[in-house]
N, C-alpha and C. Protein backbone atom coordinates (compact mmCIF):
# COMPACT_ATOMS: atom_id res chain seq x y z
N MET A 1 -6.37 33.33 -77.45
CA MET A 1 -5.32 33.50 -76.77
C MET A 1 -4.26 33.87 -78.01
N SER A 2 -3.53 34.69 -78.03
CA SER A 2 -2.60 34.98 -78.77
C SER A 2 -1.71 34.12 -79.70
N ARG A 3 -1.18 34.04 -80.66
CA ARG A 3 -0.46 32.85 -81.06
C ARG A 3 1.16 33.11 -80.51
N GLU A 4 1.65 33.68 -80.26
CA GLU A 4 2.84 34.19 -79.22
C GLU A 4 2.40 33.77 -77.92
N LEU A 5 1.52 34.29 -77.42
CA LEU A 5 1.42 33.43 -75.59
C LEU A 5 1.07 31.93 -75.85
N ALA A 6 0.34 31.68 -76.76
CA ALA A 6 0.01 30.57 -77.01
C ALA A 6 0.84 29.44 -76.75
N ALA A 7 2.18 29.75 -77.41
CA ALA A 7 3.60 29.24 -78.16
C ALA A 7 4.14 28.98 -77.06
N LEU A 8 4.38 30.45 -76.08
CA LEU A 8 5.09 30.03 -74.94
C LEU A 8 4.45 29.09 -74.10
N ALA A 9 3.20 29.35 -73.60
CA ALA A 9 2.67 28.13 -72.71
C ALA A 9 3.05 27.35 -73.14
N ALA A 10 3.16 26.55 -74.37
CA ALA A 10 3.29 25.54 -74.77
C ALA A 10 4.51 25.13 -74.26
N GLU A 11 5.67 26.05 -75.07
CA GLU A 11 7.24 25.67 -74.29
C GLU A 11 7.37 25.55 -72.69
N ILE A 12 6.42 26.51 -71.81
CA ILE A 12 6.67 26.34 -70.15
C ILE A 12 6.02 24.88 -70.40
N ARG A 13 5.27 24.85 -70.83
CA ARG A 13 4.28 22.91 -70.32
C ARG A 13 5.38 21.85 -70.38
N ALA A 14 5.89 22.25 -71.99
CA ALA A 14 6.91 21.00 -72.19
C ALA A 14 8.57 21.34 -71.36
N CYS A 15 8.33 22.04 -70.56
CA CYS A 15 9.94 22.57 -69.64
C CYS A 15 10.11 21.54 -68.68
N ARG A 16 11.76 21.30 -68.76
CA ARG A 16 12.26 19.89 -68.14
C ARG A 16 13.37 20.55 -67.31
N LEU A 17 13.41 22.00 -67.08
CA LEU A 17 14.51 22.48 -66.81
C LEU A 17 15.03 21.84 -65.20
N CYS A 18 14.12 21.68 -64.41
CA CYS A 18 14.12 20.98 -63.04
C CYS A 18 14.73 19.58 -63.51
N ALA A 19 14.69 19.08 -64.17
CA ALA A 19 14.61 17.38 -64.25
C ALA A 19 15.87 16.95 -63.49
N GLY A 20 15.69 15.75 -62.46
CA GLY A 20 16.28 15.96 -61.22
C GLY A 20 16.83 16.60 -60.60
N LYS A 21 16.11 17.74 -59.99
CA LYS A 21 16.26 18.23 -59.26
C LYS A 21 14.68 18.64 -58.44
N ILE A 22 13.41 18.36 -58.98
CA ILE A 22 12.37 17.75 -58.51
C ILE A 22 11.87 16.67 -58.81
N PRO A 23 10.97 16.07 -57.90
CA PRO A 23 10.21 15.05 -58.10
C PRO A 23 9.79 14.64 -59.66
N GLU A 24 9.26 15.04 -60.25
CA GLU A 24 8.84 15.12 -61.54
C GLU A 24 8.07 16.32 -62.00
N PRO A 25 8.99 16.94 -63.53
CA PRO A 25 8.57 18.29 -63.86
C PRO A 25 6.96 17.85 -64.70
N ARG A 26 6.17 18.71 -64.09
CA ARG A 26 4.68 18.88 -64.32
C ARG A 26 4.31 20.23 -64.55
N PRO A 27 4.84 21.52 -65.60
CA PRO A 27 4.23 22.54 -65.50
C PRO A 27 2.66 23.18 -65.11
N VAL A 28 2.07 23.69 -63.90
CA VAL A 28 0.85 24.00 -64.40
C VAL A 28 0.60 25.53 -64.29
N LEU A 29 0.32 25.61 -65.19
CA LEU A 29 -0.23 27.63 -65.25
C LEU A 29 -1.65 27.60 -66.08
N ARG A 30 -2.13 28.81 -66.08
CA ARG A 30 -3.01 29.38 -66.64
C ARG A 30 -2.65 30.71 -67.37
N PRO A 31 -2.08 31.13 -68.32
CA PRO A 31 -2.13 32.26 -68.71
C PRO A 31 -3.58 32.89 -69.89
N SER A 32 -3.03 34.24 -69.91
CA SER A 32 -4.71 34.18 -70.35
C SER A 32 -4.18 35.82 -71.10
N ALA A 33 -4.48 35.84 -72.21
CA ALA A 33 -4.66 37.21 -73.30
C ALA A 33 -5.45 38.29 -73.12
N THR A 34 -6.44 38.05 -72.04
CA THR A 34 -7.99 38.77 -71.90
C THR A 34 -8.25 38.98 -69.98
N ALA A 35 -7.22 38.01 -69.68
CA ALA A 35 -7.70 38.12 -67.98
C ALA A 35 -7.18 39.53 -67.63
N ARG A 36 -7.76 40.73 -66.80
CA ARG A 36 -7.33 41.59 -66.15
C ARG A 36 -6.98 41.28 -64.50
N ILE A 37 -7.07 39.97 -64.36
CA ILE A 37 -6.33 39.61 -62.55
C ILE A 37 -5.49 38.94 -63.09
N CYS A 38 -4.60 38.58 -61.92
CA CYS A 38 -3.73 37.46 -62.32
C CYS A 38 -3.20 37.18 -60.86
N VAL A 39 -3.12 35.38 -60.46
CA VAL A 39 -2.86 35.37 -59.18
C VAL A 39 -1.45 34.81 -59.28
N ALA A 40 -0.55 35.54 -58.64
CA ALA A 40 1.13 34.48 -58.56
C ALA A 40 1.07 34.00 -57.31
N GLY A 41 1.07 32.82 -57.56
CA GLY A 41 1.36 32.10 -56.31
C GLY A 41 2.33 31.96 -56.15
N GLN A 42 2.90 30.20 -55.15
CA GLN A 42 3.98 29.66 -54.88
C GLN A 42 4.16 29.36 -56.20
N ALA A 43 3.74 27.52 -55.80
CA ALA A 43 4.29 26.64 -56.62
C ALA A 43 3.09 25.49 -56.42
N PRO A 44 2.92 24.72 -57.37
CA PRO A 44 2.06 23.65 -57.31
C PRO A 44 2.20 22.77 -56.03
N GLY A 45 1.34 22.80 -55.40
CA GLY A 45 1.31 21.14 -54.43
C GLY A 45 1.25 19.88 -54.67
N THR A 46 1.27 19.07 -54.03
CA THR A 46 1.12 17.45 -54.14
C THR A 46 -0.16 17.26 -55.57
N ARG A 47 -1.25 17.58 -54.28
CA ARG A 47 -3.06 17.82 -55.09
C ARG A 47 -2.94 18.25 -56.44
N VAL A 48 -2.88 19.37 -56.63
CA VAL A 48 -2.59 20.75 -57.65
C VAL A 48 -1.51 19.54 -58.89
N HIS A 49 -0.18 19.37 -58.09
CA HIS A 49 0.66 18.31 -59.10
C HIS A 49 0.08 17.27 -60.16
N ALA A 50 -0.77 16.34 -59.20
CA ALA A 50 -1.49 15.12 -59.54
C ALA A 50 -2.71 15.57 -60.69
N SER A 51 -3.15 16.46 -60.19
CA SER A 51 -4.61 17.29 -60.91
C SER A 51 -4.41 18.04 -62.34
N GLY A 52 -3.18 18.75 -62.02
CA GLY A 52 -2.93 19.94 -63.04
C GLY A 52 -3.75 20.79 -63.20
N ILE A 53 -4.67 21.29 -62.14
CA ILE A 53 -5.50 22.21 -61.80
C ILE A 53 -5.11 23.13 -60.34
N PRO A 54 -4.54 24.44 -61.08
CA PRO A 54 -4.11 25.30 -60.01
C PRO A 54 -5.34 25.66 -58.84
N PHE A 55 -4.58 25.73 -57.77
CA PHE A 55 -5.77 25.77 -56.50
C PHE A 55 -6.58 24.29 -56.17
N ASP A 56 -6.50 23.55 -56.69
CA ASP A 56 -6.88 22.63 -56.76
C ASP A 56 -7.13 21.95 -55.32
N ASP A 57 -7.39 22.86 -54.26
CA ASP A 57 -7.35 21.85 -52.87
C ASP A 57 -7.94 22.82 -51.72
N ARG A 58 -7.34 22.55 -50.67
CA ARG A 58 -8.32 23.55 -49.64
C ARG A 58 -7.67 24.86 -50.01
N SER A 59 -6.78 25.28 -50.14
CA SER A 59 -6.16 26.52 -50.11
C SER A 59 -6.70 27.08 -51.39
N GLY A 60 -7.11 26.64 -52.43
CA GLY A 60 -7.85 27.32 -53.30
C GLY A 60 -8.94 27.77 -53.18
N ASP A 61 -9.90 26.48 -52.53
CA ASP A 61 -11.21 27.21 -51.46
C ASP A 61 -11.21 28.64 -50.63
N ARG A 62 -10.16 28.62 -50.10
CA ARG A 62 -10.03 29.49 -49.21
C ARG A 62 -9.44 30.94 -49.83
N LEU A 63 -8.19 31.24 -50.92
CA LEU A 63 -8.61 31.90 -52.04
C LEU A 63 -9.70 32.25 -52.38
N ARG A 64 -10.39 31.77 -53.17
CA ARG A 64 -11.79 32.19 -54.03
C ARG A 64 -12.69 32.80 -53.05
N GLU A 65 -13.03 32.26 -51.65
CA GLU A 65 -13.51 32.82 -50.51
C GLU A 65 -12.83 34.34 -50.36
N TRP A 66 -11.47 34.50 -50.44
CA TRP A 66 -10.89 35.52 -50.06
C TRP A 66 -11.25 36.81 -51.53
N MET A 67 -11.40 36.25 -52.26
CA MET A 67 -11.42 36.82 -53.78
C MET A 67 -12.87 37.18 -53.97
N GLY A 68 -13.97 36.54 -52.99
CA GLY A 68 -15.47 36.39 -53.65
C GLY A 68 -16.07 35.90 -54.62
N ILE A 69 -15.35 34.90 -54.85
CA ILE A 69 -15.88 34.41 -56.48
C ILE A 69 -15.66 32.85 -56.16
N ASP A 70 -16.82 32.43 -57.28
CA ASP A 70 -16.47 30.56 -57.53
C ASP A 70 -15.80 30.45 -58.21
N ARG A 71 -15.86 28.69 -58.09
CA ARG A 71 -14.73 28.02 -58.72
C ARG A 71 -15.05 28.33 -60.43
N ASP A 72 -16.44 28.13 -61.38
CA ASP A 72 -16.07 29.03 -62.40
C ASP A 72 -15.76 30.37 -62.60
N ILE A 73 -15.60 31.17 -62.07
CA ILE A 73 -15.31 32.59 -62.58
C ILE A 73 -13.81 32.42 -62.21
N PHE A 74 -13.30 31.71 -61.20
CA PHE A 74 -11.95 31.51 -60.98
C PHE A 74 -11.33 30.75 -62.11
N TYR A 75 -11.88 29.89 -62.45
CA TYR A 75 -11.20 28.93 -63.59
C TYR A 75 -11.39 29.35 -64.81
N ASP A 76 -12.41 30.31 -65.22
CA ASP A 76 -12.38 31.06 -66.81
C ASP A 76 -11.08 32.04 -67.02
N ASP A 77 -10.65 31.03 -67.80
CA ASP A 77 -9.18 31.81 -68.08
C ASP A 77 -9.40 33.46 -68.69
N ARG A 78 -10.53 33.64 -69.32
CA ARG A 78 -10.42 34.87 -70.01
C ARG A 78 -10.70 36.05 -69.16
N ARG A 79 -11.19 35.84 -67.73
CA ARG A 79 -11.12 36.52 -66.30
C ARG A 79 -9.99 36.42 -65.59
N ILE A 80 -9.43 34.93 -65.28
CA ILE A 80 -8.54 35.16 -64.50
C ILE A 80 -7.31 34.32 -64.79
N ALA A 81 -6.01 34.69 -64.82
CA ALA A 81 -4.66 34.34 -65.14
C ALA A 81 -3.89 33.70 -63.89
N ILE A 82 -3.54 32.95 -63.76
CA ILE A 82 -3.00 31.80 -62.98
C ILE A 82 -1.49 31.80 -63.23
N LEU A 83 -0.60 32.10 -62.43
CA LEU A 83 0.62 32.05 -62.66
C LEU A 83 1.77 32.03 -61.62
N PRO A 84 1.96 30.88 -61.13
CA PRO A 84 2.76 31.02 -59.98
C PRO A 84 4.35 30.79 -60.45
N MET A 85 5.13 30.99 -58.99
CA MET A 85 6.66 31.46 -59.30
C MET A 85 6.99 30.31 -59.75
N GLY A 86 6.83 29.34 -59.08
CA GLY A 86 6.92 27.92 -59.91
C GLY A 86 6.17 27.18 -60.39
N PHE A 87 6.43 26.96 -61.80
CA PHE A 87 5.45 26.21 -62.48
C PHE A 87 5.19 24.73 -61.92
N CYS A 88 6.53 24.20 -61.44
CA CYS A 88 6.35 22.58 -60.89
C CYS A 88 6.16 22.23 -59.46
N PHE A 89 5.62 21.33 -58.69
CA PHE A 89 5.79 21.00 -57.35
C PHE A 89 7.42 20.59 -57.59
N PRO A 90 7.76 21.48 -56.37
CA PRO A 90 9.35 21.80 -55.88
C PRO A 90 9.85 20.34 -55.01
N GLY A 91 8.62 19.48 -54.47
CA GLY A 91 8.68 18.55 -53.65
C GLY A 91 8.61 18.59 -52.29
N GLN A 92 9.28 18.03 -51.23
CA GLN A 92 9.37 18.31 -49.78
C GLN A 92 9.96 18.30 -49.18
N ASP A 93 10.00 19.11 -47.84
CA ASP A 93 11.16 18.81 -46.59
C ASP A 93 11.21 17.70 -46.01
N ALA A 94 11.86 17.72 -45.02
CA ALA A 94 11.84 16.84 -43.85
C ALA A 94 10.69 16.54 -43.29
N ARG A 95 9.80 17.72 -42.52
CA ARG A 95 8.77 18.04 -42.15
C ARG A 95 7.80 17.38 -42.94
N GLY A 96 7.61 17.61 -44.61
CA GLY A 96 5.99 17.42 -45.20
C GLY A 96 5.99 18.67 -45.70
N GLY A 97 6.71 19.88 -45.41
CA GLY A 97 6.42 21.02 -46.25
C GLY A 97 6.91 21.38 -47.53
N ASP A 98 5.95 21.92 -48.18
CA ASP A 98 6.64 22.00 -49.57
C ASP A 98 7.76 22.63 -49.68
N LEU A 99 8.56 22.50 -50.73
CA LEU A 99 9.89 23.31 -50.81
C LEU A 99 9.51 24.31 -51.65
N PRO A 100 10.35 25.65 -51.63
CA PRO A 100 10.47 26.78 -52.03
C PRO A 100 10.38 26.31 -53.45
N PRO A 101 9.39 27.50 -54.51
CA PRO A 101 9.98 27.20 -55.63
C PRO A 101 11.18 27.86 -56.21
N ARG A 102 11.19 26.55 -57.46
CA ARG A 102 12.46 26.82 -57.80
C ARG A 102 12.88 28.09 -58.27
N ALA A 103 13.92 29.03 -58.21
CA ALA A 103 14.09 30.21 -58.57
C ALA A 103 14.52 29.88 -60.34
N GLU A 104 15.00 29.41 -60.66
CA GLU A 104 15.30 29.32 -62.49
C GLU A 104 14.01 29.23 -62.89
N CYS A 105 12.74 29.11 -62.09
CA CYS A 105 11.78 28.80 -62.81
C CYS A 105 11.30 30.63 -63.33
N ALA A 106 11.24 31.57 -62.47
CA ALA A 106 10.50 32.54 -62.47
C ALA A 106 11.61 33.28 -63.68
N ARG A 107 13.21 33.12 -63.03
CA ARG A 107 14.02 33.30 -64.09
C ARG A 107 14.06 33.22 -65.37
N THR A 108 14.20 32.30 -65.66
CA THR A 108 13.79 31.89 -67.15
C THR A 108 12.08 31.89 -67.78
N TRP A 109 11.20 32.26 -67.20
CA TRP A 109 10.21 32.12 -67.64
C TRP A 109 9.07 33.74 -67.83
N ARG A 110 9.23 34.51 -66.28
CA ARG A 110 8.30 34.80 -65.64
C ARG A 110 8.50 36.35 -66.54
N THR A 111 9.19 36.82 -66.52
CA THR A 111 9.30 37.97 -67.48
C THR A 111 8.72 38.11 -69.08
N ARG A 112 8.89 37.17 -69.73
CA ARG A 112 8.56 36.66 -70.80
C ARG A 112 7.44 36.28 -71.29
N ILE A 113 6.13 35.52 -70.27
CA ILE A 113 4.90 35.39 -70.17
C ILE A 113 4.24 36.57 -69.37
N LEU A 114 4.64 37.29 -68.67
CA LEU A 114 4.05 38.51 -68.17
C LEU A 114 3.85 39.53 -69.10
N SER A 115 5.04 39.83 -70.05
CA SER A 115 5.21 40.69 -71.24
C SER A 115 4.32 40.75 -72.32
N LEU A 116 3.72 39.41 -72.18
CA LEU A 116 2.65 39.08 -73.35
C LEU A 116 1.19 39.05 -72.46
N MET A 117 1.02 39.93 -71.70
CA MET A 117 -0.24 40.06 -70.88
C MET A 117 -0.33 41.28 -70.40
N PRO A 118 -0.24 41.97 -71.19
CA PRO A 118 -0.49 43.24 -70.79
C PRO A 118 -1.29 44.05 -70.39
N GLN A 119 -2.35 43.27 -70.45
CA GLN A 119 -4.20 43.67 -69.82
C GLN A 119 -4.15 43.61 -68.56
N ILE A 120 -3.32 42.61 -68.03
CA ILE A 120 -3.49 42.81 -66.60
C ILE A 120 -3.96 44.17 -65.75
N GLU A 121 -4.45 44.19 -64.93
CA GLU A 121 -4.90 45.29 -63.89
C GLU A 121 -4.10 45.15 -62.73
N VAL A 122 -4.67 44.26 -62.38
CA VAL A 122 -4.10 43.55 -60.63
C VAL A 122 -3.71 42.09 -60.87
N ILE A 123 -2.68 42.35 -59.85
CA ILE A 123 -1.99 41.15 -59.47
C ILE A 123 -2.21 40.82 -58.47
N LEU A 124 -2.53 39.60 -57.52
CA LEU A 124 -2.22 39.22 -56.34
C LEU A 124 -1.07 38.20 -55.79
N LEU A 125 -0.78 38.83 -55.01
CA LEU A 125 1.04 38.04 -54.70
C LEU A 125 0.69 37.15 -53.31
N LEU A 126 0.67 36.01 -54.05
CA LEU A 126 0.20 34.62 -52.81
C LEU A 126 1.78 34.72 -51.97
N GLY A 127 1.95 35.42 -50.54
CA GLY A 127 3.02 34.86 -50.25
C GLY A 127 4.47 35.26 -50.44
N SER A 128 5.58 35.14 -50.08
CA SER A 128 6.89 36.01 -49.46
C SER A 128 7.30 35.95 -51.06
N TYR A 129 7.55 34.76 -51.62
CA TYR A 129 8.31 34.48 -53.07
C TYR A 129 8.02 35.34 -53.81
N ALA A 130 6.18 35.45 -54.00
CA ALA A 130 5.99 36.10 -55.47
C ALA A 130 6.28 37.78 -54.89
N GLN A 131 5.89 38.22 -53.61
CA GLN A 131 5.64 39.16 -53.27
C GLN A 131 7.32 40.22 -53.63
N ARG A 132 8.30 39.06 -52.81
CA ARG A 132 9.89 39.71 -53.26
C ARG A 132 9.98 39.47 -54.61
N TRP A 133 9.73 38.66 -55.52
CA TRP A 133 10.15 39.14 -57.35
C TRP A 133 9.19 39.46 -58.08
N HIS A 134 8.31 40.39 -57.59
CA HIS A 134 7.25 41.40 -57.96
C HIS A 134 7.41 42.67 -57.49
N LEU A 135 7.64 42.76 -56.23
CA LEU A 135 7.78 44.26 -55.75
C LEU A 135 9.02 44.58 -55.40
N LYS A 136 10.13 43.67 -55.83
CA LYS A 136 11.58 43.96 -55.10
C LYS A 136 11.85 44.25 -53.67
N ASP A 137 12.25 46.05 -54.44
CA ASP A 137 12.31 46.92 -53.33
C ASP A 137 11.20 47.54 -52.29
N ARG A 138 10.58 47.03 -52.96
CA ARG A 138 8.95 48.15 -52.22
C ARG A 138 8.28 46.86 -51.36
N ALA A 139 9.22 45.57 -51.29
CA ALA A 139 9.03 44.39 -49.93
C ALA A 139 9.34 45.11 -49.27
N ARG A 140 8.84 44.42 -48.03
CA ARG A 140 9.06 44.95 -46.87
C ARG A 140 10.13 43.64 -46.04
N ALA A 141 10.55 44.23 -44.70
CA ALA A 141 11.07 42.84 -44.20
C ALA A 141 10.68 41.80 -43.97
N SER A 142 9.00 41.34 -43.72
CA SER A 142 8.30 40.22 -43.66
C SER A 142 6.91 40.65 -44.62
N LEU A 143 6.56 39.32 -44.19
CA LEU A 143 5.46 39.14 -45.54
C LEU A 143 4.30 39.92 -44.66
N THR A 144 4.23 39.68 -43.25
CA THR A 144 3.36 40.77 -42.60
C THR A 144 3.36 42.39 -42.62
N GLU A 145 4.50 42.47 -42.59
CA GLU A 145 4.15 43.93 -42.93
C GLU A 145 4.36 44.26 -44.29
N THR A 146 4.50 43.57 -45.61
CA THR A 146 4.05 43.94 -46.79
C THR A 146 3.01 43.88 -47.14
N VAL A 147 2.14 42.56 -46.72
CA VAL A 147 0.46 42.91 -46.37
C VAL A 147 -0.26 43.73 -46.08
N GLN A 148 0.34 44.33 -44.78
CA GLN A 148 -0.06 45.97 -44.12
C GLN A 148 0.16 46.75 -44.92
N GLY A 149 0.82 46.71 -45.37
CA GLY A 149 1.42 48.04 -46.78
C GLY A 149 0.56 47.87 -47.56
N TRP A 150 -0.38 46.99 -47.89
CA TRP A 150 -1.27 46.46 -49.37
C TRP A 150 -1.59 47.99 -49.63
N ARG A 151 -2.15 49.07 -49.35
CA ARG A 151 -2.79 50.53 -49.86
C ARG A 151 -1.45 51.30 -50.30
N ALA A 152 -0.35 51.27 -50.24
CA ALA A 152 0.07 51.98 -50.86
C ALA A 152 0.87 51.21 -52.16
N LEU A 153 0.05 50.00 -52.45
CA LEU A 153 0.60 49.29 -53.59
C LEU A 153 -0.75 48.68 -54.58
N ALA A 154 -1.92 49.73 -53.88
CA ALA A 154 -3.15 49.22 -54.47
C ALA A 154 -3.05 50.52 -55.64
N PRO A 155 -3.99 50.48 -56.69
CA PRO A 155 -4.77 49.34 -57.01
C PRO A 155 -4.35 47.99 -57.56
N GLY A 156 -3.10 48.54 -58.45
CA GLY A 156 -2.77 47.19 -59.39
C GLY A 156 -1.84 45.95 -58.61
N VAL A 157 -1.72 46.13 -57.82
CA VAL A 157 -0.93 44.73 -56.74
C VAL A 157 -1.61 45.07 -55.29
N VAL A 158 -1.76 43.32 -55.21
CA VAL A 158 -2.37 42.86 -53.46
C VAL A 158 -1.42 41.97 -53.36
N PRO A 159 -0.88 42.25 -52.11
CA PRO A 159 -0.12 41.48 -51.17
C PRO A 159 -0.79 40.44 -50.39
N LEU A 160 -0.80 39.22 -50.29
CA LEU A 160 -1.65 38.47 -49.62
C LEU A 160 -1.04 37.17 -49.11
N PRO A 161 -1.13 36.95 -47.72
CA PRO A 161 -0.14 35.68 -47.45
C PRO A 161 -1.00 34.29 -48.16
N HIS A 162 -0.37 33.45 -48.48
CA HIS A 162 -0.64 32.22 -48.80
C HIS A 162 -1.63 31.44 -48.26
N PRO A 163 -2.64 31.20 -48.84
CA PRO A 163 -4.11 30.82 -48.26
C PRO A 163 -3.74 28.80 -47.56
N SER A 164 -2.67 28.97 -47.57
CA SER A 164 -2.68 27.69 -46.91
C SER A 164 -3.29 27.41 -45.57
N TRP A 165 -3.88 26.09 -44.76
CA TRP A 165 -4.29 25.91 -43.77
C TRP A 165 -2.79 26.43 -42.93
N ARG A 166 -1.69 26.22 -42.97
CA ARG A 166 -0.87 26.31 -42.10
C ARG A 166 -0.38 28.10 -41.97
N ASN A 167 -1.24 29.07 -42.53
CA ASN A 167 -1.05 30.20 -42.18
C ASN A 167 -2.48 30.49 -41.32
N ASN A 168 -3.60 29.67 -40.45
CA ASN A 168 -4.27 29.99 -39.46
C ASN A 168 -3.92 30.81 -38.36
N GLY A 169 -2.60 30.46 -38.20
CA GLY A 169 -2.26 31.10 -37.06
C GLY A 169 -1.90 32.30 -37.14
N TRP A 170 -1.16 32.82 -38.73
CA TRP A 170 -1.04 34.37 -39.10
C TRP A 170 -2.43 35.02 -39.60
N LEU A 171 -3.63 34.44 -39.69
CA LEU A 171 -4.83 34.85 -40.15
C LEU A 171 -5.30 35.05 -38.56
N ARG A 172 -5.41 34.51 -37.35
CA ARG A 172 -5.81 34.70 -36.30
C ARG A 172 -5.19 36.01 -35.62
N LYS A 173 -3.82 36.00 -35.95
CA LYS A 173 -2.88 37.27 -35.24
C LYS A 173 -3.03 37.96 -35.71
N ASN A 174 -3.77 38.15 -37.06
CA ASN A 174 -3.74 39.48 -37.90
C ASN A 174 -4.84 39.82 -38.01
N PRO A 175 -6.26 40.08 -37.45
CA PRO A 175 -7.64 40.27 -37.53
C PRO A 175 -7.92 41.27 -38.60
N TRP A 176 -7.11 42.52 -38.94
CA TRP A 176 -7.34 43.48 -40.07
C TRP A 176 -7.42 42.88 -41.24
N PHE A 177 -6.32 41.81 -41.26
CA PHE A 177 -6.68 41.33 -42.70
C PHE A 177 -7.92 40.91 -43.31
N GLU A 178 -8.42 40.42 -42.51
CA GLU A 178 -10.11 39.96 -42.90
C GLU A 178 -11.02 41.41 -42.80
N ARG A 179 -10.98 42.04 -41.87
CA ARG A 179 -11.64 43.36 -41.36
C ARG A 179 -11.12 44.26 -43.09
N ASP A 180 -10.40 44.78 -42.68
CA ASP A 180 -9.78 45.93 -43.99
C ASP A 180 -9.81 45.32 -45.58
N LEU A 181 -8.52 44.57 -45.34
CA LEU A 181 -8.20 44.49 -46.82
C LEU A 181 -9.43 43.54 -47.61
N LEU A 182 -9.52 42.57 -46.98
CA LEU A 182 -10.40 41.47 -48.00
C LEU A 182 -11.85 42.14 -48.70
N PRO A 183 -12.41 43.16 -47.81
CA PRO A 183 -13.66 44.07 -48.38
C PRO A 183 -13.03 44.89 -49.39
N GLU A 184 -11.77 45.44 -49.82
CA GLU A 184 -11.42 46.42 -50.74
C GLU A 184 -11.17 45.39 -52.06
N LEU A 185 -10.44 44.39 -51.63
CA LEU A 185 -10.11 43.38 -52.48
C LEU A 185 -11.18 42.59 -52.89
N ARG A 186 -11.97 42.17 -52.90
CA ARG A 186 -13.21 42.20 -53.13
C ARG A 186 -13.92 43.04 -53.93
N ARG A 187 -13.98 44.32 -53.73
CA ARG A 187 -14.84 45.15 -54.47
C ARG A 187 -14.04 45.78 -55.48
N ARG A 188 -12.41 45.69 -55.55
CA ARG A 188 -11.89 45.51 -56.44
C ARG A 188 -11.89 44.41 -57.70
N LEU A 189 -11.55 43.63 -57.38
CA LEU A 189 -12.40 42.56 -58.45
C LEU A 189 -12.94 42.64 -58.68
N ALA A 190 -14.68 42.70 -58.21
CA ALA A 190 -15.81 42.86 -58.80
C ALA A 190 -15.86 43.31 -59.73
N SER A 191 -14.94 44.62 -59.59
CA SER A 191 -14.82 45.62 -60.50
C SER A 191 -14.73 45.55 -61.70
N LEU A 192 -13.68 44.65 -61.70
CA LEU A 192 -12.57 44.18 -62.87
C LEU A 192 -13.34 42.84 -63.55
N LEU A 193 -14.86 42.33 -63.13
CA LEU A 193 -14.93 40.77 -63.23
C LEU A 193 -16.38 41.37 -64.05
């Protein structure tokens, strides 16, 4: 990792911008100066907050399955960078769902850290928060429409639903996702790995 990227990563890990607004600041990220693939998720959940390891949960298992890779490759930061939209667990709502990533996190850090990772060739945008930030006016009215338009964004951007179990219903209603998008995603990633 370059000195500049390492210094910025250390600064982000020490960030307390949201202290008092979230349960506990504990930034989780895996930047890379060599990875050609970047996973842009939402924010750490409770398990990831506790472990400090991104996608160290069932969502991560599903994401790795979608990508067609194992844990060793996924956690090899020479190959894959992981930069959620919010680096800290944002807390939960009254129903037990995770709150959205804090907007000030992306506003403060995202452009800076991505500028130090120009080698990224494909970015996986998990969920609507990542899609809206990265795609801006190219994001469609809904997550489903954005993901359906994946071909127009390829090869550098792949919009995906979040791999959470909460999206099982979405996956059942959209069989084209597993039939059409995932095989292309796996081919693209295999060529970069």
